[in-house]
N, C-alpha and C. Protein backbone atom coordinates (compact mmCIF):
# COMPACT_ATOMS: atom_id res chain seq x y z
N MET A 1 15.12 123.07 -80.21
CA MET A 1 14.77 122.86 -79.13
C MET A 1 15.47 122.25 -78.22
N ILE A 2 16.11 121.10 -78.79
CA ILE A 2 16.45 120.01 -77.91
C ILE A 2 17.89 120.52 -77.12
N LYS A 3 18.53 121.41 -78.54
CA LYS A 3 20.14 122.21 -78.02
C LYS A 3 19.43 123.74 -76.53
N GLU A 4 18.21 123.81 -76.58
CA GLU A 4 18.05 125.12 -75.29
C GLU A 4 18.32 124.29 -73.98
N LYS A 5 19.21 125.12 -73.77
CA LYS A 5 19.65 124.73 -71.97
C LYS A 5 18.71 124.80 -70.82
N HIS A 6 18.36 124.60 -70.57
CA HIS A 6 17.31 124.44 -69.18
C HIS A 6 17.97 124.43 -68.02
N PRO A 7 17.52 126.19 -67.28
CA PRO A 7 18.71 125.94 -65.88
C PRO A 7 18.15 125.15 -64.22
N LEU A 8 16.47 124.79 -65.12
CA LEU A 8 16.19 124.48 -64.02
C LEU A 8 16.48 122.40 -63.70
N LEU A 9 17.38 121.80 -64.63
CA LEU A 9 17.08 120.39 -64.95
C LEU A 9 18.54 120.43 -64.85
N LYS A 10 19.51 120.05 -64.02
CA LYS A 10 20.76 120.24 -63.49
C LYS A 10 21.06 118.81 -63.12
N LEU A 11 21.14 117.95 -63.90
CA LEU A 11 21.85 115.91 -63.31
C LEU A 11 23.02 115.93 -63.84
N LYS A 12 23.52 115.22 -61.82
CA LYS A 12 25.32 115.18 -62.70
C LYS A 12 24.87 113.80 -62.06
N LEU A 13 25.52 112.65 -62.75
CA LEU A 13 25.67 111.56 -62.98
C LEU A 13 26.94 110.85 -62.74
N VAL A 14 26.34 109.70 -61.59
CA VAL A 14 27.89 109.80 -60.45
C VAL A 14 27.00 107.96 -60.57
N LYS A 15 28.43 106.99 -60.84
CA LYS A 15 28.20 105.22 -61.22
C LYS A 15 28.72 105.15 -59.69
N LYS A 16 28.33 104.76 -58.90
CA LYS A 16 28.78 104.21 -57.62
C LYS A 16 28.15 102.37 -57.55
N THR A 17 28.63 101.88 -56.97
CA THR A 17 29.05 100.47 -56.74
C THR A 17 27.99 100.08 -55.56
N SER A 18 27.37 99.30 -55.59
CA SER A 18 26.32 99.28 -54.05
C SER A 18 27.07 98.36 -53.46
N SER A 19 26.56 97.86 -52.25
CA SER A 19 27.84 97.59 -51.28
C SER A 19 27.34 95.70 -51.32
N PHE A 20 26.54 95.52 -51.61
CA PHE A 20 26.07 93.98 -52.02
C PHE A 20 26.74 93.49 -52.64
N SER A 21 27.60 94.56 -54.39
CA SER A 21 28.83 94.20 -55.38
C SER A 21 30.00 94.09 -54.99
N GLN A 22 29.97 95.37 -54.33
CA GLN A 22 31.75 95.23 -53.41
C GLN A 22 31.62 93.78 -52.76
N PHE A 23 30.76 93.56 -51.54
CA PHE A 23 31.06 91.97 -51.08
C PHE A 23 31.24 90.93 -52.29
N TYR A 24 30.21 90.94 -53.07
CA TYR A 24 30.68 89.89 -53.91
C TYR A 24 31.57 90.12 -55.04
N ASN A 25 32.21 91.11 -54.78
CA ASN A 25 33.56 90.49 -55.67
C ASN A 25 34.37 90.73 -54.63
N ASN A 26 34.36 90.64 -53.51
CA ASN A 26 35.43 90.65 -52.81
C ASN A 26 35.79 89.31 -52.32
N TYR A 27 34.74 88.64 -51.70
CA TYR A 27 34.19 87.55 -52.43
C TYR A 27 34.70 86.22 -52.86
N SER A 28 34.28 86.66 -53.67
CA SER A 28 34.53 86.16 -56.11
C SER A 28 36.23 85.60 -56.01
N GLU A 29 36.90 86.89 -55.50
CA GLU A 29 38.17 86.93 -55.52
C GLU A 29 38.93 86.21 -54.39
N LEU A 30 39.09 86.32 -53.35
CA LEU A 30 38.66 85.90 -51.99
C LEU A 30 39.18 84.44 -52.36
N PHE A 31 37.88 83.32 -52.74
CA PHE A 31 37.62 82.39 -53.28
C PHE A 31 38.53 81.44 -54.51
N PHE A 32 38.76 82.60 -55.70
CA PHE A 32 39.58 82.00 -56.77
C PHE A 32 40.73 82.01 -56.54
N GLU A 33 41.50 83.20 -55.25
CA GLU A 33 42.73 82.98 -54.60
C GLU A 33 42.55 81.38 -54.05
N LEU A 34 41.81 80.94 -53.21
CA LEU A 34 41.89 80.13 -52.36
C LEU A 34 41.84 78.20 -53.33
N PHE A 35 40.85 78.06 -54.19
CA PHE A 35 40.66 77.39 -55.35
C PHE A 35 42.45 77.24 -56.49
N SER A 36 43.02 77.84 -56.63
CA SER A 36 44.49 78.19 -56.55
C SER A 36 45.44 78.01 -56.23
N ILE A 37 45.16 78.37 -54.88
CA ILE A 37 46.42 77.43 -53.85
C ILE A 37 45.70 75.96 -54.11
N LEU A 38 44.87 75.69 -54.19
CA LEU A 38 44.22 74.09 -54.19
C LEU A 38 44.81 73.85 -54.84
N LEU A 39 44.57 74.29 -56.20
CA LEU A 39 44.95 73.40 -57.36
C LEU A 39 46.23 73.63 -57.89
N GLU A 40 47.23 73.87 -56.80
CA GLU A 40 48.89 74.11 -57.28
C GLU A 40 49.23 73.10 -57.06
N ASN A 41 49.28 72.12 -55.44
CA ASN A 41 50.05 71.03 -55.50
C ASN A 41 48.42 70.21 -55.36
N SER A 42 47.57 69.73 -56.48
CA SER A 42 46.78 68.96 -56.16
C SER A 42 46.96 67.45 -55.10
N ILE A 43 47.93 66.84 -55.62
CA ILE A 43 47.43 65.47 -55.49
C ILE A 43 47.94 65.59 -53.57
N GLU A 44 48.58 65.96 -53.12
CA GLU A 44 48.98 66.84 -51.32
C GLU A 44 47.43 66.82 -50.52
N ASN A 45 46.72 67.66 -51.92
CA ASN A 45 45.55 68.21 -51.25
C ASN A 45 44.01 67.35 -51.05
N ILE A 46 44.80 66.12 -52.24
CA ILE A 46 43.25 65.04 -52.04
C ILE A 46 43.63 63.53 -50.77
N TRP A 47 45.06 64.29 -50.41
CA TRP A 47 44.83 63.43 -49.24
C TRP A 47 44.10 63.54 -47.91
N ASN A 48 44.99 65.19 -48.39
CA ASN A 48 44.42 65.90 -47.00
C ASN A 48 42.66 66.27 -46.60
N GLU A 49 42.18 66.75 -48.27
CA GLU A 49 41.03 66.15 -47.53
C GLU A 49 40.58 64.88 -47.45
N CYS A 50 40.85 63.72 -47.81
CA CYS A 50 40.14 61.90 -47.01
C CYS A 50 40.92 62.51 -45.89
N PHE A 51 41.71 62.87 -45.11
CA PHE A 51 42.14 63.10 -44.58
C PHE A 51 41.17 63.19 -43.03
N PHE A 52 40.85 64.57 -43.42
CA PHE A 52 39.38 65.75 -42.58
C PHE A 52 38.40 64.74 -43.18
N ILE A 53 37.90 64.19 -44.30
CA ILE A 53 36.87 63.58 -44.45
C ILE A 53 36.83 62.55 -43.45
N PHE A 54 37.90 61.38 -42.77
CA PHE A 54 38.01 60.79 -42.44
C PHE A 54 37.32 60.60 -40.65
N LEU A 55 37.93 62.05 -40.33
CA LEU A 55 38.20 62.60 -39.68
C LEU A 55 36.78 62.73 -38.87
N GLY A 56 36.07 63.49 -39.99
CA GLY A 56 34.77 64.17 -39.80
C GLY A 56 33.46 62.35 -39.40
N TYR A 57 34.28 61.51 -39.64
CA TYR A 57 33.64 60.12 -39.88
C TYR A 57 33.60 59.68 -38.39
N ILE A 58 34.88 59.80 -38.50
CA ILE A 58 35.10 59.34 -36.59
C ILE A 58 35.03 60.22 -35.93
N GLN A 59 33.84 61.44 -35.81
CA GLN A 59 33.46 62.79 -35.29
C GLN A 59 31.92 61.98 -34.63
N LEU A 60 31.34 61.43 -35.90
CA LEU A 60 30.15 61.16 -36.20
C LEU A 60 29.92 58.97 -35.34
N ILE A 61 30.94 58.82 -35.60
CA ILE A 61 30.48 57.63 -34.91
C ILE A 61 30.54 57.70 -33.39
N ALA A 62 31.86 58.36 -33.09
CA ALA A 62 31.82 59.09 -31.73
C ALA A 62 30.43 59.78 -30.72
N TYR A 63 29.86 60.61 -31.65
CA TYR A 63 29.32 60.98 -31.25
C TYR A 63 28.00 59.89 -31.23
N ILE A 64 27.42 58.85 -32.46
CA ILE A 64 26.61 57.83 -32.07
C ILE A 64 26.54 57.19 -30.05
N PHE A 65 28.09 57.12 -30.06
CA PHE A 65 28.12 56.20 -29.25
C PHE A 65 28.50 57.11 -27.49
N ASP A 66 28.38 58.55 -27.59
CA ASP A 66 28.85 58.92 -26.57
C ASP A 66 27.29 58.72 -25.62
N GLU A 67 27.56 58.91 -23.95
CA GLU A 67 26.44 58.54 -23.56
C GLU A 67 25.76 59.11 -23.12
N ILE A 68 26.02 61.23 -23.21
CA ILE A 68 24.70 61.80 -23.60
C ILE A 68 24.04 61.86 -24.77
N VAL A 69 23.53 60.96 -25.55
CA VAL A 69 22.83 61.97 -26.06
C VAL A 69 22.73 60.20 -27.44
N SER A 70 23.63 59.48 -26.43
CA SER A 70 23.17 57.99 -27.26
C SER A 70 21.83 57.03 -26.87
N ILE A 71 21.30 56.90 -28.08
CA ILE A 71 19.57 56.40 -27.68
C ILE A 71 20.86 54.53 -27.59
N ILE A 72 21.16 54.33 -27.95
CA ILE A 72 21.71 53.04 -27.77
C ILE A 72 21.73 52.25 -26.70
N LYS A 73 22.01 53.57 -26.00
CA LYS A 73 22.35 53.08 -24.66
C LYS A 73 21.07 53.10 -23.24
N MET A 74 19.63 53.72 -23.68
CA MET A 74 18.63 54.14 -23.92
C MET A 74 17.51 52.53 -24.77
N LEU A 75 17.82 52.00 -24.86
CA LEU A 75 17.34 50.97 -25.62
C LEU A 75 17.62 49.76 -24.75
């Protein structure tokens, strides 16, 4: 009975990846490449990161003393 063919039941199974899965795979590959580039010359990249963090703090301090948004001058 199992070996009988049923003409009404015709299924075609196709393996298809979802768009989210493709998006995740593409970006995870890109992040892996980015981290591998960062690890190639780690000492230079550490100094670059320290410099950019320092610049970020300088921008925050400049924002505090800006005339338009400064609370210090309002007091």
